[in-house]
N, C-alpha and C. Protein backbone atom coordinates (compact mmCIF):
# COMPACT_ATOMS: atom_id res chain seq x y z
N MET A 1 0.85 -1.18 0.00
CA MET A 1 0.00 0.00 0.00
C MET A 1 0.89 1.23 0.00
N THR A 2 0.50 2.23 -0.76
CA THR A 2 1.26 3.47 -0.83
C THR A 2 0.92 4.35 0.35
N GLU A 3 1.57 5.49 0.45
CA GLU A 3 1.29 6.41 1.55
C GLU A 3 -0.09 7.02 1.46
N ASP A 4 -0.75 6.91 0.35
CA ASP A 4 -2.11 7.41 0.23
C ASP A 4 -3.05 6.22 0.20
N PRO A 5 -3.76 5.95 1.33
CA PRO A 5 -4.62 4.77 1.40
C PRO A 5 -5.72 4.84 0.36
N GLY A 6 -6.13 3.67 -0.08
CA GLY A 6 -7.24 3.59 -1.01
C GLY A 6 -6.85 4.02 -2.41
N ARG A 7 -5.58 4.15 -2.67
CA ARG A 7 -5.15 4.61 -3.99
C ARG A 7 -4.17 3.60 -4.54
N ALA A 8 -4.54 3.00 -5.62
CA ALA A 8 -3.61 2.09 -6.31
C ALA A 8 -3.04 2.87 -7.47
N ASN A 9 -1.75 2.82 -7.64
CA ASN A 9 -1.12 3.60 -8.69
C ASN A 9 -0.54 2.70 -9.76
N GLN A 10 -0.63 3.18 -10.98
CA GLN A 10 0.01 2.55 -12.10
C GLN A 10 0.84 3.63 -12.76
N VAL A 11 2.07 3.34 -13.03
CA VAL A 11 2.94 4.34 -13.64
C VAL A 11 3.02 4.06 -15.13
N ALA A 12 2.70 5.07 -15.91
CA ALA A 12 2.77 4.99 -17.37
C ALA A 12 3.73 6.08 -17.80
N GLY A 13 4.97 5.68 -18.09
CA GLY A 13 5.99 6.69 -18.38
C GLY A 13 6.26 7.48 -17.11
N ASN A 14 6.16 8.80 -17.20
CA ASN A 14 6.32 9.66 -16.04
C ASN A 14 4.99 10.05 -15.43
N ARG A 15 3.91 9.50 -15.93
CA ARG A 15 2.58 9.90 -15.49
C ARG A 15 1.99 8.85 -14.56
N GLU A 16 1.44 9.30 -13.46
CA GLU A 16 0.82 8.41 -12.48
C GLU A 16 -0.68 8.38 -12.75
N GLN A 17 -1.26 7.19 -12.80
CA GLN A 17 -2.68 7.05 -13.04
C GLN A 17 -3.31 6.40 -11.83
N ARG A 18 -4.35 7.00 -11.30
CA ARG A 18 -5.07 6.43 -10.17
C ARG A 18 -6.11 5.46 -10.66
N THR A 19 -6.16 4.29 -10.02
CA THR A 19 -7.19 3.32 -10.36
C THR A 19 -8.29 3.32 -9.30
N ILE A 20 -7.99 3.79 -8.10
CA ILE A 20 -8.99 3.98 -7.06
C ILE A 20 -8.93 5.45 -6.68
N HIS A 21 -10.04 6.16 -6.81
CA HIS A 21 -10.04 7.59 -6.55
C HIS A 21 -10.19 7.86 -5.06
N ARG A 22 -9.38 8.81 -4.56
CA ARG A 22 -9.49 9.25 -3.18
C ARG A 22 -10.51 10.37 -3.13
N HIS A 23 -11.08 10.58 -1.95
CA HIS A 23 -12.06 11.64 -1.78
C HIS A 23 -11.70 12.45 -0.55
N HIS A 24 -11.42 13.74 -0.74
CA HIS A 24 -11.11 14.63 0.36
C HIS A 24 -12.42 15.09 0.98
N LEU A 25 -12.55 14.88 2.27
CA LEU A 25 -13.78 15.25 2.94
C LEU A 25 -13.73 16.69 3.43
N ILE A 26 -14.75 17.43 3.09
CA ILE A 26 -14.88 18.79 3.60
C ILE A 26 -15.31 18.70 5.06
N HIS A 27 -16.15 17.77 5.37
CA HIS A 27 -16.65 17.56 6.72
C HIS A 27 -15.65 16.64 7.43
N TYR A 28 -15.10 17.11 8.54
CA TYR A 28 -14.21 16.23 9.29
C TYR A 28 -15.05 15.26 10.10
N LEU A 29 -15.20 14.06 9.62
CA LEU A 29 -15.98 13.04 10.30
C LEU A 29 -15.14 12.40 11.40
N ARG A 30 -15.70 12.32 12.58
CA ARG A 30 -15.01 11.68 13.69
C ARG A 30 -14.97 10.18 13.49
N VAL A 31 -13.86 9.57 13.90
CA VAL A 31 -13.70 8.12 13.85
C VAL A 31 -13.40 7.66 15.28
N TYR A 32 -14.17 6.68 15.73
CA TYR A 32 -14.06 6.18 17.10
C TYR A 32 -13.39 4.81 17.10
N ASP A 33 -12.84 4.45 18.25
CA ASP A 33 -12.22 3.15 18.45
C ASP A 33 -13.30 2.15 18.85
N GLY A 34 -13.76 1.35 17.91
CA GLY A 34 -14.77 0.33 18.17
C GLY A 34 -16.05 0.92 18.72
N LEU A 35 -16.60 0.27 19.74
CA LEU A 35 -17.86 0.71 20.34
C LEU A 35 -17.65 1.77 21.41
N GLY A 36 -16.40 2.07 21.75
CA GLY A 36 -16.10 3.04 22.79
C GLY A 36 -16.33 4.47 22.32
N SER A 37 -16.07 5.39 23.23
CA SER A 37 -16.27 6.81 22.93
C SER A 37 -14.96 7.53 22.63
N LYS A 38 -13.84 6.79 22.61
CA LYS A 38 -12.55 7.41 22.34
C LYS A 38 -12.44 7.74 20.85
N VAL A 39 -12.15 9.02 20.56
CA VAL A 39 -11.97 9.45 19.18
C VAL A 39 -10.55 9.10 18.75
N VAL A 40 -10.44 8.31 17.68
CA VAL A 40 -9.13 7.97 17.12
C VAL A 40 -8.61 9.14 16.30
N GLY A 41 -9.49 9.74 15.51
CA GLY A 41 -9.11 10.86 14.66
C GLY A 41 -10.28 11.32 13.82
N HIS A 42 -9.96 12.08 12.77
CA HIS A 42 -10.97 12.61 11.85
C HIS A 42 -10.59 12.23 10.42
N VAL A 43 -11.59 11.89 9.63
CA VAL A 43 -11.36 11.46 8.25
C VAL A 43 -10.88 12.64 7.40
N VAL A 44 -9.81 12.39 6.65
CA VAL A 44 -9.30 13.35 5.68
C VAL A 44 -9.61 12.86 4.27
N ASP A 45 -9.24 11.62 3.96
CA ASP A 45 -9.50 10.98 2.66
C ASP A 45 -10.15 9.63 2.93
N ILE A 46 -10.96 9.20 1.97
CA ILE A 46 -11.58 7.87 2.13
C ILE A 46 -11.86 7.26 0.78
N SER A 47 -11.76 5.94 0.72
CA SER A 47 -12.20 5.15 -0.43
C SER A 47 -12.66 3.83 0.15
N THR A 48 -13.08 2.93 -0.70
CA THR A 48 -13.52 1.62 -0.23
C THR A 48 -12.34 0.73 0.17
N ARG A 49 -11.12 1.18 -0.09
CA ARG A 49 -9.95 0.37 0.25
C ARG A 49 -9.13 0.93 1.40
N GLY A 50 -9.35 2.21 1.73
CA GLY A 50 -8.55 2.79 2.79
C GLY A 50 -9.08 4.12 3.26
N VAL A 51 -8.52 4.58 4.36
CA VAL A 51 -8.93 5.85 4.93
C VAL A 51 -7.70 6.53 5.53
N LYS A 52 -7.63 7.85 5.34
CA LYS A 52 -6.57 8.63 5.95
C LYS A 52 -7.20 9.48 7.04
N LEU A 53 -6.61 9.40 8.24
CA LEU A 53 -7.10 10.17 9.37
C LEU A 53 -6.08 11.21 9.78
N ILE A 54 -6.55 12.26 10.42
CA ILE A 54 -5.67 13.18 11.13
C ILE A 54 -5.93 12.91 12.61
N THR A 55 -4.84 12.72 13.36
CA THR A 55 -4.94 12.34 14.77
C THR A 55 -4.08 13.26 15.63
N GLU A 56 -4.35 13.24 16.93
CA GLU A 56 -3.55 14.01 17.87
C GLU A 56 -2.36 13.22 18.38
N THR A 57 -2.43 11.90 18.26
CA THR A 57 -1.34 11.05 18.74
C THR A 57 -0.93 10.09 17.63
N PRO A 58 0.33 9.69 17.60
CA PRO A 58 0.76 8.74 16.56
C PRO A 58 0.15 7.36 16.80
N ILE A 59 0.00 6.62 15.72
CA ILE A 59 -0.52 5.24 15.78
C ILE A 59 0.55 4.34 15.19
N GLY A 60 0.79 3.24 15.84
CA GLY A 60 1.83 2.31 15.40
C GLY A 60 1.48 1.62 14.10
N VAL A 61 2.46 1.55 13.22
CA VAL A 61 2.29 0.83 11.97
C VAL A 61 2.01 -0.64 12.29
N GLN A 62 1.09 -1.22 11.56
CA GLN A 62 0.61 -2.59 11.68
C GLN A 62 -0.36 -2.79 12.85
N GLU A 63 -0.69 -1.73 13.61
CA GLU A 63 -1.70 -1.86 14.66
C GLU A 63 -3.06 -2.04 14.00
N GLU A 64 -3.84 -2.97 14.54
CA GLU A 64 -5.17 -3.24 14.00
C GLU A 64 -6.21 -2.52 14.83
N TYR A 65 -7.20 -1.97 14.14
CA TYR A 65 -8.27 -1.22 14.79
C TYR A 65 -9.61 -1.65 14.25
N ARG A 66 -10.61 -1.45 15.06
CA ARG A 66 -12.00 -1.54 14.63
C ARG A 66 -12.47 -0.09 14.63
N LEU A 67 -12.58 0.50 13.44
CA LEU A 67 -12.92 1.91 13.30
C LEU A 67 -14.42 2.08 13.14
N ARG A 68 -14.97 3.01 13.89
CA ARG A 68 -16.41 3.29 13.80
C ARG A 68 -16.62 4.72 13.33
N MET A 69 -17.38 4.87 12.26
CA MET A 69 -17.69 6.18 11.69
C MET A 69 -19.19 6.38 11.71
N ARG A 70 -19.58 7.59 11.95
CA ARG A 70 -21.01 7.93 11.97
C ARG A 70 -21.23 9.00 10.92
N PHE A 71 -21.89 8.62 9.83
CA PHE A 71 -22.15 9.54 8.73
C PHE A 71 -23.47 10.27 8.99
N PRO A 72 -23.51 11.57 8.70
CA PRO A 72 -24.75 12.32 8.93
C PRO A 72 -25.86 11.87 8.00
N GLY A 73 -27.09 11.93 8.50
CA GLY A 73 -28.25 11.63 7.67
C GLY A 73 -28.53 12.80 6.74
N ARG A 74 -29.21 12.55 5.66
CA ARG A 74 -29.55 13.60 4.69
C ARG A 74 -31.07 13.70 4.56
N ASN A 75 -31.56 14.91 4.44
CA ASN A 75 -32.99 15.16 4.21
C ASN A 75 -33.88 14.44 5.22
N GLY A 76 -33.52 14.53 6.49
CA GLY A 76 -34.34 13.93 7.54
C GLY A 76 -34.10 12.46 7.79
N SER A 77 -33.23 11.84 7.00
CA SER A 77 -32.96 10.41 7.22
C SER A 77 -32.02 10.25 8.42
N PRO A 78 -32.10 9.12 9.09
CA PRO A 78 -31.22 8.91 10.25
C PRO A 78 -29.76 8.76 9.82
N HIS A 79 -28.88 8.95 10.78
CA HIS A 79 -27.45 8.78 10.49
C HIS A 79 -27.14 7.32 10.19
N THR A 80 -26.01 7.10 9.58
CA THR A 80 -25.54 5.75 9.28
C THR A 80 -24.25 5.53 10.06
N GLU A 81 -24.18 4.41 10.73
CA GLU A 81 -22.97 4.08 11.47
C GLU A 81 -22.30 2.91 10.76
N LEU A 82 -21.00 3.00 10.62
CA LEU A 82 -20.24 1.98 9.91
C LEU A 82 -19.07 1.55 10.77
N MET A 83 -18.88 0.25 10.90
CA MET A 83 -17.77 -0.31 11.66
C MET A 83 -16.88 -1.06 10.67
N LEU A 84 -15.58 -0.73 10.67
CA LEU A 84 -14.64 -1.33 9.71
C LEU A 84 -13.41 -1.85 10.43
N ASP A 85 -12.93 -3.01 10.00
CA ASP A 85 -11.64 -3.52 10.46
C ASP A 85 -10.57 -2.90 9.59
N ALA A 86 -9.53 -2.37 10.23
CA ALA A 86 -8.48 -1.70 9.47
C ALA A 86 -7.13 -1.90 10.15
N VAL A 87 -6.07 -1.79 9.35
CA VAL A 87 -4.70 -1.88 9.88
C VAL A 87 -3.95 -0.63 9.46
N CYS A 88 -3.18 -0.08 10.40
CA CYS A 88 -2.39 1.11 10.12
C CYS A 88 -1.23 0.73 9.21
N LYS A 89 -1.12 1.41 8.08
CA LYS A 89 -0.04 1.13 7.13
C LYS A 89 1.08 2.16 7.21
N TRP A 90 0.77 3.37 7.66
CA TRP A 90 1.79 4.40 7.81
C TRP A 90 1.28 5.49 8.75
N CYS A 91 2.23 6.21 9.35
CA CYS A 91 1.91 7.31 10.25
C CYS A 91 3.06 8.31 10.17
N ARG A 92 2.72 9.60 10.03
CA ARG A 92 3.77 10.62 9.98
C ARG A 92 3.21 11.94 10.49
N ALA A 93 4.11 12.80 10.95
CA ALA A 93 3.70 14.13 11.39
C ALA A 93 3.11 14.89 10.21
N ASP A 94 2.09 15.68 10.47
CA ASP A 94 1.46 16.50 9.44
C ASP A 94 2.41 17.65 9.10
N ASN A 95 2.73 17.82 7.82
CA ASN A 95 3.63 18.89 7.40
C ASN A 95 3.07 20.27 7.70
N ASP A 96 1.75 20.43 7.61
CA ASP A 96 1.13 21.74 7.84
C ASP A 96 1.02 22.08 9.32
N ASN A 97 0.85 21.06 10.16
CA ASN A 97 0.72 21.27 11.60
C ASN A 97 1.36 20.08 12.32
N PRO A 98 2.65 20.20 12.68
CA PRO A 98 3.37 19.06 13.26
C PRO A 98 2.85 18.59 14.62
N GLU A 99 1.86 19.29 15.17
CA GLU A 99 1.25 18.82 16.41
C GLU A 99 0.26 17.68 16.14
N PHE A 100 -0.04 17.46 14.86
CA PHE A 100 -0.96 16.40 14.47
C PHE A 100 -0.25 15.38 13.61
N PHE A 101 -0.89 14.22 13.45
CA PHE A 101 -0.33 13.13 12.66
C PHE A 101 -1.32 12.71 11.59
N LEU A 102 -0.80 12.38 10.42
CA LEU A 102 -1.60 11.79 9.36
C LEU A 102 -1.35 10.29 9.40
N VAL A 103 -2.44 9.52 9.34
CA VAL A 103 -2.35 8.07 9.50
C VAL A 103 -3.12 7.40 8.37
N GLY A 104 -2.47 6.46 7.70
CA GLY A 104 -3.11 5.72 6.62
C GLY A 104 -3.53 4.33 7.08
N PHE A 105 -4.81 4.03 6.93
CA PHE A 105 -5.34 2.71 7.28
C PHE A 105 -5.79 1.99 6.02
N GLN A 106 -5.50 0.71 5.96
CA GLN A 106 -6.04 -0.14 4.92
C GLN A 106 -7.26 -0.84 5.50
N ILE A 107 -8.39 -0.76 4.81
CA ILE A 107 -9.61 -1.42 5.26
C ILE A 107 -9.51 -2.90 4.93
N ARG A 108 -9.85 -3.73 5.88
CA ARG A 108 -9.78 -5.18 5.69
C ARG A 108 -11.18 -5.78 5.67
N ASN A 109 -11.34 -6.81 4.87
CA ASN A 109 -12.57 -7.62 4.86
C ASN A 109 -13.84 -6.79 4.70
N ILE A 110 -13.81 -5.81 3.81
CA ILE A 110 -15.00 -4.99 3.59
C ILE A 110 -16.01 -5.78 2.77
N ASN A 111 -17.27 -5.72 3.19
CA ASN A 111 -18.29 -6.43 2.42
C ASN A 111 -19.00 -5.45 1.49
N ALA A 112 -19.85 -5.96 0.64
CA ALA A 112 -20.52 -5.14 -0.38
C ALA A 112 -21.38 -4.04 0.25
N GLU A 113 -22.07 -4.35 1.33
CA GLU A 113 -22.92 -3.36 2.00
C GLU A 113 -22.09 -2.22 2.58
N GLU A 114 -20.95 -2.55 3.18
CA GLU A 114 -20.07 -1.52 3.74
C GLU A 114 -19.48 -0.65 2.63
N ALA A 115 -19.05 -1.28 1.53
CA ALA A 115 -18.51 -0.53 0.40
C ALA A 115 -19.58 0.39 -0.19
N ASP A 116 -20.81 -0.08 -0.31
CA ASP A 116 -21.91 0.75 -0.81
C ASP A 116 -22.16 1.93 0.12
N CYS A 117 -22.06 1.70 1.42
CA CYS A 117 -22.26 2.76 2.40
C CYS A 117 -21.20 3.86 2.21
N ILE A 118 -19.95 3.47 2.00
CA ILE A 118 -18.88 4.45 1.78
C ILE A 118 -19.13 5.21 0.48
N ARG A 119 -19.46 4.50 -0.58
CA ARG A 119 -19.73 5.17 -1.87
C ARG A 119 -20.92 6.13 -1.76
N ARG A 120 -21.95 5.72 -1.04
CA ARG A 120 -23.14 6.57 -0.86
C ARG A 120 -22.77 7.82 -0.06
N MET A 121 -21.97 7.65 0.98
CA MET A 121 -21.54 8.79 1.80
C MET A 121 -20.73 9.77 0.95
N ILE A 122 -19.83 9.26 0.13
CA ILE A 122 -19.03 10.12 -0.74
C ILE A 122 -19.94 10.89 -1.70
N ARG A 123 -20.89 10.19 -2.29
CA ARG A 123 -21.80 10.81 -3.24
C ARG A 123 -22.70 11.86 -2.56
N GLU A 124 -23.23 11.53 -1.39
CA GLU A 124 -24.16 12.43 -0.70
C GLU A 124 -23.48 13.67 -0.15
N LEU A 125 -22.20 13.55 0.18
CA LEU A 125 -21.48 14.72 0.69
C LEU A 125 -20.88 15.55 -0.44
N GLY A 126 -21.19 15.16 -1.69
CA GLY A 126 -20.84 15.97 -2.84
C GLY A 126 -19.36 15.94 -3.21
N MET A 127 -18.72 14.80 -3.04
CA MET A 127 -17.30 14.71 -3.37
C MET A 127 -17.10 14.09 -4.71
């Protein structure tokens, strides 16, 4: 996995082609550790294969997490909660604000319903 989760790259000459598109979230969605109330971080980029978070503390590479995200409802519909198994693939200080860390997670064992939920969230938030 590259430093940008959810992005598979193919190099054609000097040009990089994305096969999985990343989506930058305007809304910083909170991500929780499993069923608990501890906030792991906030979503920066997301795809059906990975998620990039901004966190206040570093996360160890290869640490496994159960990430819980709560997507806002639209037009009076209830919110959607999604639980994903993920492994940290990289972690580094944020260049713009070194008090924070950018963390790349690879989503594991995603099923069709979970992938549809992510795609729907991306579409509904206008990305």
